[in-house]
């Protein structure tokens, strides 16, 4: 059995974390729990009003992850504010659901998923998430900040889900890239993992069609919707367990989509 490796083990009190989508829902919960544990946290979100409501001590700044230049500027600002960065919680995401092709029941017209619906989700959930990994890891390497870990929020929907071609594409890619990135970043002492939430109580899921939401919750074997704290436990594990790398954890109550 190996002796503990001081270079690879991380404690929450030593964390300097960027949390995207950090103003509400799971992102806000992660930012608060990290701060409570003694970590430094920089939260970014397009919702500046909600950002302002985060507890004192959390660095906060507007961040639009679909804007490549904004991503780069945010990472530099966060690293300067915290004296470095060693954790990214890649949480920002949006929904623009719709069937790829359908027939209008009233008119019989063939309707397709719009370019805007596709592009908006890919810009935030995939391109933006990837750029945040690129810019954050580059900053870690410049500062020789090791150990480090990037945590991307995937989704149980990555296995495929009706009406979510755009969302599924992005979330499946993030899970797959946990493997890609863990291999690419290994020489720098940086791990890459993903976490796939199932149905979780957030502003996004509260905006779902009520009947669809009710049916989905009823199909969860543990008998309840998930809470942000359930996902926090997975984030905490991902940070603290230096032997967890290159995989995606499903935290979904047994839900299979």
Protein backbone atom coordinates (compact mmCIF):
# COMPACT_ATOMS: atom_id res chain seq x y z
CA UNK A 1 0.00 0.00 0.00
CA UNK A 2 1.41 3.34 -1.01
CA UNK A 3 2.13 6.15 1.40
CA UNK A 4 -0.11 9.23 1.05
CA UNK A 5 1.07 11.44 -1.79
CA UNK A 6 1.02 15.05 -0.69
CA UNK A 7 1.15 16.23 -4.32
CA UNK A 8 -2.05 14.50 -5.40
CA UNK A 9 -4.30 14.65 -2.34
CA UNK A 10 -6.68 17.61 -2.00
CA UNK A 11 -8.47 18.97 1.03
CA UNK A 12 -11.44 21.29 0.72
CA UNK A 13 -9.75 24.00 2.78
CA UNK A 14 -7.01 24.20 0.12
CA UNK A 15 -9.41 24.45 -2.82
CA UNK A 16 -9.53 27.48 -5.10
CA UNK A 17 -12.60 26.74 -7.20
CA UNK A 18 -14.38 28.23 -10.17
CA UNK A 19 -18.08 27.34 -10.30
CA UNK A 20 -19.94 28.16 -13.52
CA UNK A 21 -23.69 28.62 -13.40
CA UNK A 22 -22.98 29.51 -9.79
CA UNK A 23 -25.85 31.90 -9.09
CA UNK A 24 -28.68 29.44 -8.57
CA UNK A 25 -29.65 25.78 -8.41
CA UNK A 26 -26.87 23.23 -8.05
CA UNK A 27 -24.16 25.75 -8.86
CA UNK A 28 -25.13 28.08 -6.01
CA UNK A 29 -25.32 25.10 -3.65
CA UNK A 30 -21.84 23.92 -4.66
CA UNK A 31 -20.40 27.42 -4.22
CA UNK A 32 -21.93 27.77 -0.75
CA UNK A 33 -20.84 24.32 0.43
CA UNK A 34 -17.29 24.85 -0.81
CA UNK A 35 -17.10 28.21 0.96
CA UNK A 36 -18.49 26.68 4.17
CA UNK A 37 -15.68 24.10 4.02
CA UNK A 38 -13.05 26.82 3.89
CA UNK A 39 -12.43 26.86 0.15
CA UNK A 40 -12.03 29.98 -1.93
CA UNK A 41 -14.76 30.19 -4.58
CA UNK A 42 -15.29 32.28 -7.70
CA UNK A 43 -18.85 31.96 -8.99
CA UNK A 44 -19.85 33.02 -12.49
CA UNK A 45 -23.30 33.29 -14.07
CA UNK A 46 -25.26 35.43 -16.52
CA UNK A 47 -27.77 36.12 -13.72
CA UNK A 48 -26.10 39.04 -11.96
CA UNK A 49 -29.02 39.63 -9.59
CA UNK A 50 -28.81 36.07 -8.25
CA UNK A 51 -25.00 36.30 -8.06
CA UNK A 52 -25.36 39.31 -5.77
CA UNK A 53 -27.42 37.20 -3.37
CA UNK A 54 -24.60 34.69 -2.74
CA UNK A 55 -23.08 34.83 0.76
CA UNK A 56 -20.25 37.27 1.48
CA UNK A 57 -16.80 35.87 0.87
CA UNK A 58 -17.65 34.22 -2.45
CA UNK A 59 -16.03 36.02 -5.37
CA UNK A 60 -18.63 36.65 -8.05
CA UNK A 61 -18.67 38.09 -11.54
CA UNK A 62 -20.91 37.91 -14.58
CA UNK A 63 -19.93 35.06 -16.90
CA UNK A 64 -21.43 34.06 -20.23
CA UNK A 65 -19.79 30.73 -21.05
CA UNK A 66 -21.01 30.95 -24.65
CA UNK A 67 -18.58 33.87 -25.09
CA UNK A 68 -15.03 32.53 -25.50
CA UNK A 69 -13.38 35.85 -24.60
CA UNK A 70 -15.55 36.16 -21.49
CA UNK A 71 -14.46 32.65 -20.39
CA UNK A 72 -10.78 33.56 -20.71
CA UNK A 73 -11.24 36.87 -18.89
CA UNK A 74 -13.21 35.24 -16.09
CA UNK A 75 -10.61 32.54 -15.47
CA UNK A 76 -7.80 35.10 -15.29
CA UNK A 77 -9.84 37.31 -12.95
CA UNK A 78 -10.74 34.35 -10.71
CA UNK A 79 -7.15 33.07 -10.53
CA UNK A 80 -5.89 36.54 -9.67
CA UNK A 81 -8.60 37.03 -7.02
CA UNK A 82 -7.91 33.66 -5.36
CA UNK A 83 -4.15 33.47 -5.88
CA UNK A 84 -4.57 30.56 -8.24
CA UNK A 85 -7.16 27.97 -9.24
CA UNK A 86 -7.12 24.21 -8.73
CA UNK A 87 -10.75 23.15 -9.18
CA UNK A 88 -13.32 23.79 -11.90
CA UNK A 89 -16.95 22.83 -11.35
CA UNK A 90 -18.24 23.05 -14.91
CA UNK A 91 -21.92 23.43 -14.10
CA UNK A 92 -23.50 26.05 -16.41
CA UNK A 93 -26.21 24.64 -18.65
CA UNK A 94 -29.50 25.41 -20.39
CA UNK A 95 -32.42 23.53 -21.94
CA UNK A 96 -34.06 24.20 -25.31
CA UNK A 97 -35.97 20.94 -25.73
CA UNK A 98 -37.78 19.83 -28.86
CA UNK A 99 -38.20 16.82 -31.12
CA UNK A 100 -35.78 16.76 -34.03
CA UNK A 101 -38.71 16.13 -36.41
CA UNK A 102 -42.42 16.06 -35.64
CA UNK A 103 -45.82 16.56 -37.24
CA UNK A 104 -48.13 19.26 -35.98
CA UNK A 105 -51.24 17.43 -34.72
CA UNK A 106 -53.60 20.16 -35.87
CA UNK A 107 -52.17 21.00 -39.29
CA UNK A 108 -50.07 17.97 -40.21
CA UNK A 109 -47.16 20.28 -40.95
CA UNK A 110 -43.69 18.81 -40.49
CA UNK A 111 -41.82 20.81 -37.86
CA UNK A 112 -38.11 20.46 -37.07
CA UNK A 113 -35.84 21.47 -34.22
CA UNK A 114 -34.65 24.99 -35.03
CA UNK A 115 -31.05 25.97 -35.56
CA UNK A 116 -31.44 28.43 -32.69
CA UNK A 117 -32.53 25.67 -30.28
CA UNK A 118 -29.61 23.47 -31.32
CA UNK A 119 -26.98 26.21 -31.35
CA UNK A 120 -27.96 27.77 -28.01
CA UNK A 121 -27.60 24.50 -26.10
CA UNK A 122 -24.38 23.45 -27.83
CA UNK A 123 -22.88 26.92 -27.27
CA UNK A 124 -23.46 26.80 -23.51
CA UNK A 125 -23.47 23.11 -22.59
CA UNK A 126 -20.67 21.88 -24.83
CA UNK A 127 -18.58 24.63 -26.43
CA UNK A 128 -18.73 26.84 -23.35
CA UNK A 129 -18.00 23.96 -21.00
CA UNK A 130 -15.05 22.87 -23.13
CA UNK A 131 -13.62 26.38 -23.34
CA UNK A 132 -13.88 26.70 -19.55
CA UNK A 133 -11.87 23.49 -19.18
CA UNK A 134 -9.31 24.71 -21.70
CA UNK A 135 -8.85 28.11 -20.09
CA UNK A 136 -8.86 26.85 -16.50
CA UNK A 137 -6.40 24.03 -17.12
CA UNK A 138 -4.14 26.39 -19.06
CA UNK A 139 -4.14 28.73 -16.06
CA UNK A 140 -3.38 25.82 -13.70
CA UNK A 141 -0.43 24.82 -15.89
CA UNK A 142 0.91 28.37 -16.17
CA UNK A 143 0.92 28.65 -12.38
CA UNK A 144 2.11 25.04 -11.89
CA UNK A 145 -1.00 24.59 -9.77
CA UNK A 146 -1.09 20.93 -8.81
CA UNK A 147 -2.93 18.85 -7.85
CA UNK A 148 -6.01 19.98 -9.75
CA UNK A 149 -9.34 18.58 -10.92
CA UNK A 150 -11.97 19.60 -13.46
CA UNK A 151 -15.49 18.35 -12.78
CA UNK A 152 -18.00 18.57 -15.63
CA UNK A 153 -21.70 18.19 -14.95
CA UNK A 154 -23.03 15.69 -17.47
CA UNK A 155 -26.52 14.17 -17.18
CA UNK A 156 -28.29 10.82 -17.05
CA UNK A 157 -29.85 12.05 -20.32
CA UNK A 158 -26.51 11.34 -22.01
CA UNK A 159 -27.77 7.79 -22.57
CA UNK A 160 -30.47 9.22 -24.84
CA UNK A 161 -33.75 10.99 -24.13
CA UNK A 162 -36.66 11.87 -26.38
CA UNK A 163 -36.87 15.54 -27.28
CA UNK A 164 -33.33 16.38 -26.18
CA UNK A 165 -31.01 15.79 -29.15
CA UNK A 166 -29.10 19.00 -28.38
CA UNK A 167 -28.82 18.41 -24.62
CA UNK A 168 -27.95 14.72 -25.00
CA UNK A 169 -25.22 15.51 -27.51
CA UNK A 170 -23.57 17.99 -25.17
CA UNK A 171 -23.86 15.94 -22.01
CA UNK A 172 -22.66 12.72 -23.65
CA UNK A 173 -19.62 14.58 -24.97
CA UNK A 174 -18.71 15.87 -21.51
CA UNK A 175 -18.87 12.36 -20.06
CA UNK A 176 -16.69 10.98 -22.87
CA UNK A 177 -14.20 13.82 -22.54
CA UNK A 178 -13.61 12.97 -18.89
CA UNK A 179 -11.56 10.09 -20.36
CA UNK A 180 -9.92 12.28 -23.02
CA UNK A 181 -8.99 15.02 -20.60
CA UNK A 182 -7.79 12.78 -17.78
CA UNK A 183 -5.23 11.35 -20.23
CA UNK A 184 -4.24 14.72 -21.66
CA UNK A 185 -3.90 16.47 -18.30
CA UNK A 186 -2.16 13.66 -16.39
CA UNK A 187 1.36 15.08 -16.99
CA UNK A 188 0.24 18.27 -15.22
CA UNK A 189 -1.14 16.50 -12.14
CA UNK A 190 -4.71 17.38 -13.09
CA UNK A 191 -7.63 14.94 -12.99
CA UNK A 192 -10.80 15.17 -15.09
CA UNK A 193 -14.13 13.62 -14.11
CA UNK A 194 -17.84 14.01 -14.78
CA UNK A 195 -20.98 13.78 -12.67
CA UNK A 196 -24.33 12.90 -14.23
CA UNK A 197 -27.34 14.13 -12.25
CA UNK A 198 -30.72 12.58 -12.75
CA UNK A 199 -33.84 14.54 -11.82
CA UNK A 200 -32.77 17.24 -9.36
CA UNK A 201 -34.79 20.03 -7.74
CA UNK A 202 -33.53 23.19 -9.46
CA UNK A 203 -35.08 26.24 -11.16
CA UNK A 204 -34.51 24.45 -14.47
CA UNK A 205 -36.49 21.33 -13.52
CA UNK A 206 -39.19 23.39 -11.81
CA UNK A 207 -39.81 24.96 -15.22
CA UNK A 208 -40.63 21.60 -16.81
CA UNK A 209 -44.07 20.64 -18.07
CA UNK A 210 -45.88 19.63 -14.82
CA UNK A 211 -47.22 16.33 -16.19
CA UNK A 212 -43.83 15.34 -17.64
CA UNK A 213 -42.13 16.25 -14.37
CA UNK A 214 -44.62 14.25 -12.31
CA UNK A 215 -44.22 11.18 -14.51
CA UNK A 216 -40.44 11.40 -14.38
CA UNK A 217 -40.33 11.71 -10.58
CA UNK A 218 -42.68 8.73 -10.28
CA UNK A 219 -40.21 6.61 -12.26
CA UNK A 220 -37.29 7.19 -9.85
CA UNK A 221 -36.69 3.97 -7.85
CA UNK A 222 -35.70 5.76 -4.62
CA UNK A 223 -39.11 7.46 -4.68
CA UNK A 224 -38.08 11.10 -4.65
CA UNK A 225 -36.56 13.86 -6.71
CA UNK A 226 -32.89 14.56 -6.09
CA UNK A 227 -31.64 17.53 -4.07
CA UNK A 228 -28.54 19.65 -4.79
CA UNK A 229 -26.98 18.21 -1.62
CA UNK A 230 -27.04 14.75 -3.24
CA UNK A 231 -24.88 16.12 -6.04
CA UNK A 232 -22.65 18.04 -3.65
CA UNK A 233 -21.60 14.75 -2.09
CA UNK A 234 -20.42 13.59 -5.51
CA UNK A 235 -18.54 16.86 -6.08
CA UNK A 236 -16.86 16.54 -2.68
CA UNK A 237 -15.83 12.95 -3.43
CA UNK A 238 -14.47 13.98 -6.84
CA UNK A 239 -12.27 16.64 -5.25
CA UNK A 240 -11.01 14.59 -2.31
CA UNK A 241 -10.48 11.17 -3.90
CA UNK A 242 -7.22 11.44 -5.84
CA UNK A 243 -7.71 7.95 -7.33
CA UNK A 244 -10.98 8.88 -9.04
CA UNK A 245 -10.18 9.95 -12.57
CA UNK A 246 -11.58 9.71 -16.09
CA UNK A 247 -15.04 8.44 -15.17
CA UNK A 248 -18.59 9.72 -14.88
CA UNK A 249 -20.63 9.12 -11.72
CA UNK A 250 -24.40 8.76 -12.21
CA UNK A 251 -26.26 10.31 -9.26
CA UNK A 252 -29.84 9.65 -10.29
CA UNK A 253 -31.68 7.60 -7.67
CA UNK A 254 -31.66 4.62 -10.04
CA UNK A 255 -33.45 6.49 -12.84
CA UNK A 256 -32.86 4.98 -16.27
CA UNK A 257 -33.83 7.15 -19.22
